[in-house]
């Protein structure tokens, strides 16, 4: 069990490159940008597709209630 923990600890350390010091252009070659930069959120698209029908349903509901109220008050 101790060897498994030791292997895990080794994974947390930065990799040692053949160049020696570990600083320099060899680290830049393995640099990965943040996920949010590579895959931008599509929330704007989903918000539009979700809220527009929701607003239209609200408008139709209010219009239906107004018409229903006019019919009841006129009777």
PDB file of N, CA and C in Angstrom:
ATOM      1  N   UNK A   1       0.826  -1.194   0.000  1.00  0.00           N
ATOM      2  CA  UNK A   1       0.000   0.000   0.000  1.00  0.00           C
ATOM      3  C   UNK A   1       0.867   1.254   0.000  1.00  0.00           C
ATOM      4  N   UNK A   2       2.005   1.188   0.697  1.00  0.00           N
ATOM      5  CA  UNK A   2       2.890   2.344   0.770  1.00  0.00           C
ATOM      6  C   UNK A   2       3.478   2.671  -0.585  1.00  0.00           C
ATOM      7  N   UNK A   3       3.752   1.638  -1.396  1.00  0.00           N
ATOM      8  CA  UNK A   3       4.329   1.909  -2.717  1.00  0.00           C
ATOM      9  C   UNK A   3       3.324   2.610  -3.624  1.00  0.00           C
ATOM     10  N   UNK A   4       2.011   2.310  -3.456  1.00  0.00           N
ATOM     11  CA  UNK A   4       0.991   2.988  -4.253  1.00  0.00           C
ATOM     12  C   UNK A   4       0.912   4.466  -3.913  1.00  0.00           C
ATOM     13  N   UNK A   5       1.016   4.788  -2.630  1.00  0.00           N
ATOM     14  CA  UNK A   5       0.990   6.198  -2.224  1.00  0.00           C
ATOM     15  C   UNK A   5       2.229   6.913  -2.739  1.00  0.00           C
ATOM     16  N   UNK A   6       3.364   6.235  -2.688  1.00  0.00           N
ATOM     17  CA  UNK A   6       4.594   6.848  -3.166  1.00  0.00           C
ATOM     18  C   UNK A   6       4.499   7.121  -4.662  1.00  0.00           C
ATOM     19  N   UNK A   7       3.887   6.210  -5.420  1.00  0.00           N
ATOM     20  CA  UNK A   7       3.714   6.419  -6.857  1.00  0.00           C
ATOM     21  C   UNK A   7       2.792   7.609  -7.103  1.00  0.00           C
ATOM     22  N   UNK A   8       1.771   7.756  -6.261  1.00  0.00           N
ATOM     23  CA  UNK A   8       0.861   8.892  -6.409  1.00  0.00           C
ATOM     24  C   UNK A   8       1.571  10.201  -6.107  1.00  0.00           C
ATOM     25  N   UNK A   9       2.424  10.217  -5.087  1.00  0.00           N
ATOM     26  CA  UNK A   9       3.181  11.423  -4.748  1.00  0.00           C
ATOM     27  C   UNK A   9       4.102  11.828  -5.890  1.00  0.00           C
ATOM     28  N   UNK A  10       4.658  10.860  -6.578  1.00  0.00           N
ATOM     29  CA  UNK A  10       5.541  11.175  -7.699  1.00  0.00           C
ATOM     30  C   UNK A  10       4.778  11.822  -8.844  1.00  0.00           C
ATOM     31  N   UNK A  11       3.499  11.518  -8.979  1.00  0.00           N
ATOM     32  CA  UNK A  11       2.706  12.110 -10.049  1.00  0.00           C
ATOM     33  C   UNK A  11       2.430  13.583  -9.794  1.00  0.00           C
ATOM     34  N   UNK A  12       2.459  13.987  -8.538  1.00  0.00           N
ATOM     35  CA  UNK A  12       2.169  15.377  -8.215  1.00  0.00           C
ATOM     36  C   UNK A  12       3.356  16.294  -8.483  1.00  0.00           C
ATOM     37  N   UNK A  13       4.533  15.740  -8.570  1.00  0.00           N
ATOM     38  CA  UNK A  13       5.718  16.560  -8.804  1.00  0.00           C
ATOM     39  C   UNK A  13       5.816  16.919 -10.284  1.00  0.00           C
ATOM     40  N   UNK A  14       6.379  18.082 -10.597  1.00  0.00           N
ATOM     41  CA  UNK A  14       6.552  18.440 -12.011  1.00  0.00           C
ATOM     42  C   UNK A  14       7.533  17.490 -12.680  1.00  0.00           C
ATOM     43  N   UNK A  15       7.375  17.221 -13.956  1.00  0.00           N
ATOM     44  CA  UNK A  15       8.267  16.288 -14.635  1.00  0.00           C
ATOM     45  C   UNK A  15       9.684  16.855 -14.730  1.00  0.00           C
ATOM     46  N   UNK A  16      10.654  15.968 -14.627  1.00  0.00           N
ATOM     47  CA  UNK A  16      12.055  16.354 -14.762  1.00  0.00           C
ATOM     48  C   UNK A  16      12.441  16.119 -16.213  1.00  0.00           C
ATOM     49  N   UNK A  17      12.894  17.151 -16.881  1.00  0.00           N
ATOM     50  CA  UNK A  17      13.241  17.056 -18.293  1.00  0.00           C
ATOM     51  C   UNK A  17      14.731  16.776 -18.445  1.00  0.00           C
ATOM     52  N   UNK A  18      15.105  16.346 -19.620  1.00  0.00           N
ATOM     53  CA  UNK A  18      16.496  16.017 -19.899  1.00  0.00           C
ATOM     54  C   UNK A  18      17.390  17.250 -19.824  1.00  0.00           C
ATOM     55  N   UNK A  19      16.806  18.435 -20.009  1.00  0.00           N
ATOM     56  CA  UNK A  19      17.593  19.664 -19.987  1.00  0.00           C
ATOM     57  C   UNK A  19      18.146  19.939 -18.592  1.00  0.00           C
ATOM     58  N   UNK A  20      17.467  19.450 -17.553  1.00  0.00           N
ATOM     59  CA  UNK A  20      18.032  19.581 -16.217  1.00  0.00           C
ATOM     60  C   UNK A  20      17.218  20.426 -15.284  1.00  0.00           C
ATOM     61  N   UNK A  21      17.206  21.741 -15.443  1.00  0.00           N
ATOM     62  CA  UNK A  21      16.649  22.633 -14.434  1.00  0.00           C
ATOM     63  C   UNK A  21      15.134  22.564 -14.344  1.00  0.00           C
ATOM     64  N   UNK A  22      14.443  22.184 -15.401  1.00  0.00           N
ATOM     65  CA  UNK A  22      12.991  22.132 -15.372  1.00  0.00           C
ATOM     66  C   UNK A  22      12.336  23.451 -15.721  1.00  0.00           C
ATOM     67  N   UNK A  23      13.118  24.461 -16.013  1.00  0.00           N
ATOM     68  CA  UNK A  23      12.557  25.735 -16.439  1.00  0.00           C
ATOM     69  C   UNK A  23      13.036  26.006 -17.847  1.00  0.00           C
ATOM     70  N   UNK A  24      12.221  26.672 -18.603  1.00  0.00           N
ATOM     71  CA  UNK A  24      12.644  26.998 -19.959  1.00  0.00           C
ATOM     72  C   UNK A  24      11.615  26.559 -20.988  1.00  0.00           C
ATOM     73  N   UNK A  25      12.029  26.502 -22.238  1.00  0.00           N
ATOM     74  CA  UNK A  25      11.070  26.239 -23.307  1.00  0.00           C
ATOM     75  C   UNK A  25      10.483  24.839 -23.280  1.00  0.00           C
ATOM     76  N   UNK A  26      11.151  23.866 -22.629  1.00  0.00           N
ATOM     77  CA  UNK A  26      10.601  22.512 -22.636  1.00  0.00           C
ATOM     78  C   UNK A  26       9.299  22.430 -21.840  1.00  0.00           C
ATOM     79  N   UNK A  27       9.107  23.281 -20.828  1.00  0.00           N
ATOM     80  CA  UNK A  27       7.837  23.305 -20.112  1.00  0.00           C
ATOM     81  C   UNK A  27       6.758  23.974 -20.949  1.00  0.00           C
ATOM     82  N   UNK A  28       7.122  24.963 -21.748  1.00  0.00           N
ATOM     83  CA  UNK A  28       6.144  25.644 -22.588  1.00  0.00           C
ATOM     84  C   UNK A  28       5.576  24.722 -23.658  1.00  0.00           C
ATOM     85  N   UNK A  29       6.341  23.732 -24.085  1.00  0.00           N
ATOM     86  CA  UNK A  29       5.850  22.806 -25.096  1.00  0.00           C
ATOM     87  C   UNK A  29       4.708  21.960 -24.568  1.00  0.00           C
ATOM     88  N   UNK A  30       4.674  21.719 -23.249  1.00  0.00           N
ATOM     89  CA  UNK A  30       3.656  20.868 -22.658  1.00  0.00           C
ATOM     90  C   UNK A  30       2.560  21.680 -21.974  1.00  0.00           C
ATOM     91  N   UNK A  31       2.563  22.976 -22.174  1.00  0.00           N
ATOM     92  CA  UNK A  31       1.573  23.823 -21.523  1.00  0.00           C
ATOM     93  C   UNK A  31       0.213  23.631 -22.181  1.00  0.00           C
ATOM     94  N   UNK A  32      -0.821  23.454 -21.373  1.00  0.00           N
ATOM     95  CA  UNK A  32      -2.188  23.356 -21.866  1.00  0.00           C
ATOM     96  C   UNK A  32      -2.979  24.552 -21.365  1.00  0.00           C
ATOM     97  N   UNK A  33      -3.719  25.224 -22.247  1.00  0.00           N
ATOM     98  CA  UNK A  33      -4.525  26.364 -21.802  1.00  0.00           C
ATOM     99  C   UNK A  33      -5.704  25.870 -20.970  1.00  0.00           C
ATOM    100  N   UNK A  34      -6.339  26.757 -20.241  1.00  0.00           N
ATOM    101  CA  UNK A  34      -7.515  26.354 -19.456  1.00  0.00           C
ATOM    102  C   UNK A  34      -8.615  25.811 -20.360  1.00  0.00           C
ATOM    103  N   UNK A  35      -9.414  24.922 -19.807  1.00  0.00           N
ATOM    104  CA  UNK A  35     -10.484  24.293 -20.580  1.00  0.00           C
ATOM    105  C   UNK A  35     -11.486  25.331 -21.079  1.00  0.00           C
ATOM    106  N   UNK A  36     -11.728  26.365 -20.279  1.00  0.00           N
ATOM    107  CA  UNK A  36     -12.690  27.389 -20.690  1.00  0.00           C
ATOM    108  C   UNK A  36     -12.218  28.146 -21.923  1.00  0.00           C
ATOM    109  N   UNK A  37     -10.907  28.198 -22.150  1.00  0.00           N
ATOM    110  CA  UNK A  37     -10.381  28.851 -23.347  1.00  0.00           C
ATOM    111  C   UNK A  37     -10.520  27.956 -24.561  1.00  0.00           C
ATOM    112  N   UNK A  38     -10.236  26.679 -24.385  1.00  0.00           N
ATOM    113  CA  UNK A  38     -10.306  25.737 -25.501  1.00  0.00           C
ATOM    114  C   UNK A  38     -11.758  25.459 -25.877  1.00  0.00           C
ATOM    115  N   UNK A  39     -12.621  25.259 -24.876  1.00  0.00           N
ATOM    116  CA  UNK A  39     -14.029  24.958 -25.102  1.00  0.00           C
ATOM    117  C   UNK A  39     -14.865  26.057 -24.442  1.00  0.00           C
ATOM    118  N   UNK A  40     -15.151  27.142 -25.145  1.00  0.00           N
ATOM    119  CA  UNK A  40     -15.929  28.212 -24.520  1.00  0.00           C
ATOM    120  C   UNK A  40     -17.352  27.735 -24.207  1.00  0.00           C
ATOM    121  N   UNK A  41     -17.954  28.282 -23.172  1.00  0.00           N
ATOM    122  CA  UNK A  41     -19.296  27.833 -22.801  1.00  0.00           C
ATOM    123  C   UNK A  41     -20.323  28.212 -23.859  1.00  0.00           C
ATOM    124  N   UNK A  42     -21.271  27.333 -24.038  1.00  0.00           N
ATOM    125  CA  UNK A  42     -22.343  27.584 -24.996  1.00  0.00           C
ATOM    126  C   UNK A  42     -23.600  28.044 -24.275  1.00  0.00           C
ATOM    127  N   UNK A  43     -23.413  28.647 -23.109  1.00  0.00           N
ATOM    128  CA  UNK A  43     -24.567  29.036 -22.309  1.00  0.00           C
ATOM    129  C   UNK A  43     -25.405  30.097 -23.011  1.00  0.00           C
ATOM    130  N   UNK A  44     -24.758  30.974 -23.790  1.00  0.00           N
ATOM    131  CA  UNK A  44     -25.527  31.998 -24.483  1.00  0.00           C
ATOM    132  C   UNK A  44     -26.533  31.366 -25.435  1.00  0.00           C
ATOM    133  N   UNK A  45     -26.121  30.327 -26.133  1.00  0.00           N
ATOM    134  CA  UNK A  45     -27.020  29.660 -27.080  1.00  0.00           C
ATOM    135  C   UNK A  45     -28.165  28.978 -26.338  1.00  0.00           C
ATOM    136  N   UNK A  46     -27.847  28.274 -25.239  1.00  0.00           N
ATOM    137  CA  UNK A  46     -28.870  27.554 -24.500  1.00  0.00           C
ATOM    138  C   UNK A  46     -29.807  28.513 -23.776  1.00  0.00           C
ATOM    139  N   UNK A  47     -29.278  29.623 -23.317  1.00  0.00           N
ATOM    140  CA  UNK A  47     -30.131  30.604 -22.646  1.00  0.00           C
ATOM    141  C   UNK A  47     -31.160  31.150 -23.618  1.00  0.00           C
ATOM    142  N   UNK A  48     -30.730  31.456 -24.827  1.00  0.00           N
ATOM    143  CA  UNK A  48     -31.648  31.977 -25.836  1.00  0.00           C
ATOM    144  C   UNK A  48     -32.732  30.960 -26.171  1.00  0.00           C
ATOM    145  N   UNK A  49     -32.325  29.701 -26.363  1.00  0.00           N
ATOM    146  CA  UNK A  49     -33.303  28.668 -26.720  1.00  0.00           C
ATOM    147  C   UNK A  49     -34.237  28.336 -25.567  1.00  0.00           C
ATOM    148  N   UNK A  50     -33.805  28.554 -24.352  1.00  0.00           N
ATOM    149  CA  UNK A  50     -34.653  28.247 -23.204  1.00  0.00           C
ATOM    150  C   UNK A  50     -35.572  29.405 -22.843  1.00  0.00           C
ATOM    151  N   UNK A  51     -35.042  30.618 -22.770  1.00  0.00           N
ATOM    152  CA  UNK A  51     -35.826  31.744 -22.270  1.00  0.00           C
ATOM    153  C   UNK A  51     -36.797  32.322 -23.286  1.00  0.00           C
ATOM    154  N   UNK A  52     -36.476  32.297 -24.561  1.00  0.00           N
ATOM    155  CA  UNK A  52     -37.426  32.826 -25.544  1.00  0.00           C
ATOM    156  C   UNK A  52     -38.750  32.080 -25.532  1.00  0.00           C
ATOM    157  N   UNK A  53     -38.767  30.748 -25.616  1.00  0.00           N
ATOM    158  CA  UNK A  53     -40.059  30.056 -25.525  1.00  0.00           C
ATOM    159  C   UNK A  53     -40.742  30.274 -24.177  1.00  0.00           C
ATOM    160  N   UNK A  54     -39.954  30.397 -23.115  1.00  0.00           N
ATOM    161  CA  UNK A  54     -40.536  30.637 -21.805  1.00  0.00           C
ATOM    162  C   UNK A  54     -41.253  31.985 -21.763  1.00  0.00           C
ATOM    163  N   UNK A  55     -40.650  33.003 -22.342  1.00  0.00           N
ATOM    164  CA  UNK A  55     -41.284  34.324 -22.393  1.00  0.00           C
ATOM    165  C   UNK A  55     -42.538  34.269 -23.248  1.00  0.00           C
ATOM    166  N   UNK A  56     -42.471  33.578 -24.395  1.00  0.00           N
ATOM    167  CA  UNK A  56     -43.653  33.470 -25.253  1.00  0.00           C
ATOM    168  C   UNK A  56     -44.783  32.722 -24.553  1.00  0.00           C
ATOM    169  N   UNK A  57     -44.471  31.679 -23.794  1.00  0.00           N
ATOM    170  CA  UNK A  57     -45.508  30.977 -23.040  1.00  0.00           C
ATOM    171  C   UNK A  57     -46.148  31.886 -22.004  1.00  0.00           C
ATOM    172  N   UNK A  58     -45.356  32.720 -21.368  1.00  0.00           N
ATOM    173  CA  UNK A  58     -45.894  33.669 -20.397  1.00  0.00           C
ATOM    174  C   UNK A  58     -46.822  34.676 -21.080  1.00  0.00           C
ATOM    175  N   UNK A  59     -46.415  35.186 -22.238  1.00  0.00           N
ATOM    176  CA  UNK A  59     -47.248  36.148 -22.976  1.00  0.00           C
ATOM    177  C   UNK A  59     -48.557  35.498 -23.397  1.00  0.00           C
ATOM    178  N   UNK A  60     -48.497  34.276 -23.901  1.00  0.00           N
ATOM    179  CA  UNK A  60     -49.713  33.569 -24.333  1.00  0.00           C
ATOM    180  C   UNK A  60     -50.615  33.295 -23.132  1.00  0.00           C
ATOM    181  N   UNK A  61     -50.041  32.935 -21.992  1.00  0.00           N
ATOM    182  CA  UNK A  61     -50.828  32.691 -20.789  1.00  0.00           C
ATOM    183  C   UNK A  61     -51.536  33.957 -20.328  1.00  0.00           C
ATOM    184  N   UNK A  62     -50.822  35.073 -20.305  1.00  0.00           N
ATOM    185  CA  UNK A  62     -51.436  36.345 -19.881  1.00  0.00           C
ATOM    186  C   UNK A  62     -52.531  36.745 -20.862  1.00  0.00           C
ATOM    187  N   UNK A  63     -52.261  36.623 -22.166  1.00  0.00           N
ATOM    188  CA  UNK A  63     -53.280  36.979 -23.156  1.00  0.00           C
ATOM    189  C   UNK A  63     -54.505  36.076 -23.006  1.00  0.00           C
ATOM    190  N   UNK A  64     -54.293  34.796 -22.784  1.00  0.00           N
ATOM    191  CA  UNK A  64     -55.420  33.875 -22.597  1.00  0.00           C
ATOM    192  C   UNK A  64     -56.218  34.205 -21.358  1.00  0.00           C
ATOM    193  N   UNK A  65     -55.570  34.558 -20.280  1.00  0.00           N
ATOM    194  CA  UNK A  65     -56.291  34.922 -19.062  1.00  0.00           C
ATOM    195  C   UNK A  65     -57.064  36.225 -19.228  1.00  0.00           C
ATOM    196  N   UNK A  66     -56.499  37.168 -19.979  1.00  0.00           N
ATOM    197  CA  UNK A  66     -57.210  38.426 -20.235  1.00  0.00           C
ATOM    198  C   UNK A  66     -58.456  38.161 -21.063  1.00  0.00           C
ATOM    199  N   UNK A  67     -58.343  37.371 -22.118  1.00  0.00           N
ATOM    200  CA  UNK A  67     -59.505  37.050 -22.959  1.00  0.00           C
ATOM    201  C   UNK A  67     -60.541  36.286 -22.154  1.00  0.00           C
ATOM    202  N   UNK A  68     -60.107  35.347 -21.335  1.00  0.00           N
ATOM    203  CA  UNK A  68     -61.030  34.575 -20.513  1.00  0.00           C
ATOM    204  C   UNK A  68     -61.752  35.496 -19.515  1.00  0.00           C
ATOM    205  N   UNK A  69     -61.006  36.444 -18.925  1.00  0.00           N
ATOM    206  CA  UNK A  69     -61.630  37.394 -18.005  1.00  0.00           C
ATOM    207  C   UNK A  69     -62.652  38.276 -18.703  1.00  0.00           C
ATOM    208  N   UNK A  70     -62.380  38.703 -19.935  1.00  0.00           N
ATOM    209  CA  UNK A  70     -63.337  39.513 -20.689  1.00  0.00           C
ATOM    210  C   UNK A  70     -64.611  38.713 -20.986  1.00  0.00           C
ATOM    211  N   UNK A  71     -64.426  37.445 -21.305  1.00  0.00           N
ATOM    212  CA  UNK A  71     -65.605  36.609 -21.600  1.00  0.00           C
ATOM    213  C   UNK A  71     -66.459  36.410 -20.361  1.00  0.00           C
ATOM    214  N   UNK A  72     -65.844  36.230 -19.208  1.00  0.00           N
ATOM    215  CA  UNK A  72     -66.600  36.017 -17.969  1.00  0.00           C
ATOM    216  C   UNK A  72     -67.279  37.319 -17.546  1.00  0.00           C
ATOM    217  N   UNK A  73     -66.599  38.439 -17.670  1.00  0.00           N
ATOM    218  CA  UNK A  73     -67.178  39.731 -17.257  1.00  0.00           C
ATOM    219  C   UNK A  73     -68.282  40.166 -18.213  1.00  0.00           C
ATOM    220  N   UNK A  74     -68.203  39.763 -19.468  1.00  0.00           N
ATOM    221  CA  UNK A  74     -69.235  40.130 -20.429  1.00  0.00           C
ATOM    222  C   UNK A  74     -70.488  39.261 -20.308  1.00  0.00           C
ATOM    223  N   UNK A  75     -70.365  38.105 -19.690  1.00  0.00           N
ATOM    224  CA  UNK A  75     -71.516  37.188 -19.612  1.00  0.00           C
ATOM    225  C   UNK A  75     -72.489  37.546 -18.529  1.00  0.00           C
TER     226      UNK A  75
END
